[in-house]
Amino acid sequence: MRAPKSFEDGMARLETILSQMQSEETTLSESVKLYAEAASLMEYCHAALEKASLQMEEIDAARSEKADPEAEE
């Protein structure tokens, strides 16, 4: 499995996998392969969310420093 182009692409693929796994037509072997792909996608999406969270924290910290210049001292 190659990494998705974006968080949104990863989430869309996870939704597709979920639908496929819920299908009665999906074999056990296919389900195992889908599960492995989903686990990898969840790891990718979690990392993307963590990165975004860190970026927002940095933005908030920078804004706080600008709003209260005495806080640096």
C-alpha atoms as a PDB file:
ATOM      1  CA  MET A   1       0.000   0.000   0.000  1.00  0.00           C
ATOM      2  CA  ARG A   2       1.308   3.417  -0.861  1.00  0.00           C
ATOM      3  CA  ALA A   3       0.701   6.365   1.415  1.00  0.00           C
ATOM      4  CA  PRO A   4      -2.336   8.500   0.623  1.00  0.00           C
ATOM      5  CA  LYS A   5      -1.808  11.953  -0.860  1.00  0.00           C
ATOM      6  CA  SER A   6      -3.589  13.608   2.047  1.00  0.00           C
ATOM      7  CA  PHE A   7      -5.347  13.010   5.342  1.00  0.00           C
ATOM      8  CA  GLU A   8      -8.674  13.319   3.541  1.00  0.00           C
ATOM      9  CA  ASP A   9      -7.682  10.687   0.982  1.00  0.00           C
ATOM     10  CA  GLY A  10      -6.648   8.375   3.808  1.00  0.00           C
ATOM     11  CA  MET A  11      -9.957   8.826   5.595  1.00  0.00           C
ATOM     12  CA  ALA A  12     -11.896   8.235   2.380  1.00  0.00           C
ATOM     13  CA  ARG A  13     -10.005   4.994   1.785  1.00  0.00           C
ATOM     14  CA  LEU A  14     -10.696   3.917   5.385  1.00  0.00           C
ATOM     15  CA  GLU A  15     -14.413   4.462   4.799  1.00  0.00           C
ATOM     16  CA  THR A  16     -14.223   2.358   1.634  1.00  0.00           C
ATOM     17  CA  ILE A  17     -12.391  -0.402   3.494  1.00  0.00           C
ATOM     18  CA  LEU A  18     -14.998  -0.366   6.252  1.00  0.00           C
ATOM     19  CA  SER A  19     -17.771  -0.801   3.701  1.00  0.00           C
ATOM     20  CA  GLN A  20     -15.911  -3.649   2.031  1.00  0.00           C
ATOM     21  CA  MET A  21     -15.269  -5.397   5.343  1.00  0.00           C
ATOM     22  CA  GLN A  22     -18.935  -5.139   6.289  1.00  0.00           C
ATOM     23  CA  SER A  23     -19.982  -6.785   3.032  1.00  0.00           C
ATOM     24  CA  GLU A  24     -21.027 -10.419   3.344  1.00  0.00           C
ATOM     25  CA  GLU A  25     -19.345 -11.037  -0.001  1.00  0.00           C
ATOM     26  CA  THR A  26     -15.882 -10.218   1.369  1.00  0.00           C
ATOM     27  CA  THR A  27     -13.914 -13.360   2.128  1.00  0.00           C
ATOM     28  CA  LEU A  28     -11.904 -13.882   5.282  1.00  0.00           C
ATOM     29  CA  SER A  29      -8.678 -13.645   3.294  1.00  0.00           C
ATOM     30  CA  GLU A  30      -9.756 -10.334   1.745  1.00  0.00           C
ATOM     31  CA  SER A  31     -10.813  -9.064   5.164  1.00  0.00           C
ATOM     32  CA  VAL A  32      -7.360  -9.767   6.588  1.00  0.00           C
ATOM     33  CA  LYS A  33      -5.721  -7.853   3.731  1.00  0.00           C
ATOM     34  CA  LEU A  34      -8.158  -4.972   4.179  1.00  0.00           C
ATOM     35  CA  TYR A  35      -7.512  -4.956   7.928  1.00  0.00           C
ATOM     36  CA  ALA A  36      -3.763  -4.679   7.343  1.00  0.00           C
ATOM     37  CA  GLU A  37      -4.293  -1.785   4.948  1.00  0.00           C
ATOM     38  CA  ALA A  38      -6.650  -0.078   7.399  1.00  0.00           C
ATOM     39  CA  ALA A  39      -4.113  -0.405  10.222  1.00  0.00           C
ATOM     40  CA  SER A  40      -1.489   1.296   8.064  1.00  0.00           C
ATOM     41  CA  LEU A  41      -3.915   4.028   7.042  1.00  0.00           C
ATOM     42  CA  MET A  42      -4.909   4.668  10.654  1.00  0.00           C
ATOM     43  CA  GLU A  43      -1.249   5.078  11.561  1.00  0.00           C
ATOM     44  CA  TYR A  44      -0.786   7.550   8.691  1.00  0.00           C
ATOM     45  CA  CYS A  45      -3.911   9.545   9.639  1.00  0.00           C
ATOM     46  CA  HIS A  46      -2.941   9.612  13.316  1.00  0.00           C
ATOM     47  CA  ALA A  47       0.500  10.968  12.420  1.00  0.00           C
ATOM     48  CA  ALA A  48      -1.078  13.610  10.166  1.00  0.00           C
ATOM     49  CA  LEU A  49      -3.380  14.706  13.008  1.00  0.00           C
ATOM     50  CA  GLU A  50      -0.470  14.857  15.454  1.00  0.00           C
ATOM     51  CA  LYS A  51       1.507  17.015  13.026  1.00  0.00           C
ATOM     52  CA  ALA A  52      -1.449  19.373  12.549  1.00  0.00           C
ATOM     53  CA  SER A  53      -1.942  19.578  16.309  1.00  0.00           C
ATOM     54  CA  LEU A  54       1.710  20.524  16.840  1.00  0.00           C
ATOM     55  CA  GLN A  55       1.461  23.177  14.143  1.00  0.00           C
ATOM     56  CA  MET A  56      -1.611  24.677  15.833  1.00  0.00           C
ATOM     57  CA  GLU A  57       0.172  24.690  19.190  1.00  0.00           C
ATOM     58  CA  GLU A  58       3.099  26.550  17.606  1.00  0.00           C
ATOM     59  CA  ILE A  59       0.714  29.096  16.083  1.00  0.00           C
ATOM     60  CA  ASP A  60      -1.013  29.601  19.427  1.00  0.00           C
ATOM     61  CA  ALA A  61       2.330  29.998  21.203  1.00  0.00           C
ATOM     62  CA  ALA A  62       3.494  32.580  18.659  1.00  0.00           C
ATOM     63  CA  ARG A  63       0.226  34.494  19.009  1.00  0.00           C
ATOM     64  CA  SER A  64       0.531  34.456  22.797  1.00  0.00           C
ATOM     65  CA  GLU A  65       4.045  35.868  22.613  1.00  0.00           C
ATOM     66  CA  LYS A  66       2.889  38.694  20.347  1.00  0.00           C
ATOM     67  CA  ALA A  67      -0.107  39.459  22.556  1.00  0.00           C
ATOM     68  CA  ASP A  68       1.973  39.549  25.762  1.00  0.00           C
ATOM     69  CA  PRO A  69       5.544  40.629  24.983  1.00  0.00           C
ATOM     70  CA  GLU A  70       6.389  40.763  28.713  1.00  0.00           C
ATOM     71  CA  ALA A  71       5.778  37.005  28.978  1.00  0.00           C
ATOM     72  CA  GLU A  72       9.132  36.426  27.265  1.00  0.00           C
ATOM     73  CA  GLU A  73      11.020  38.078  30.107  1.00  0.00           C
END
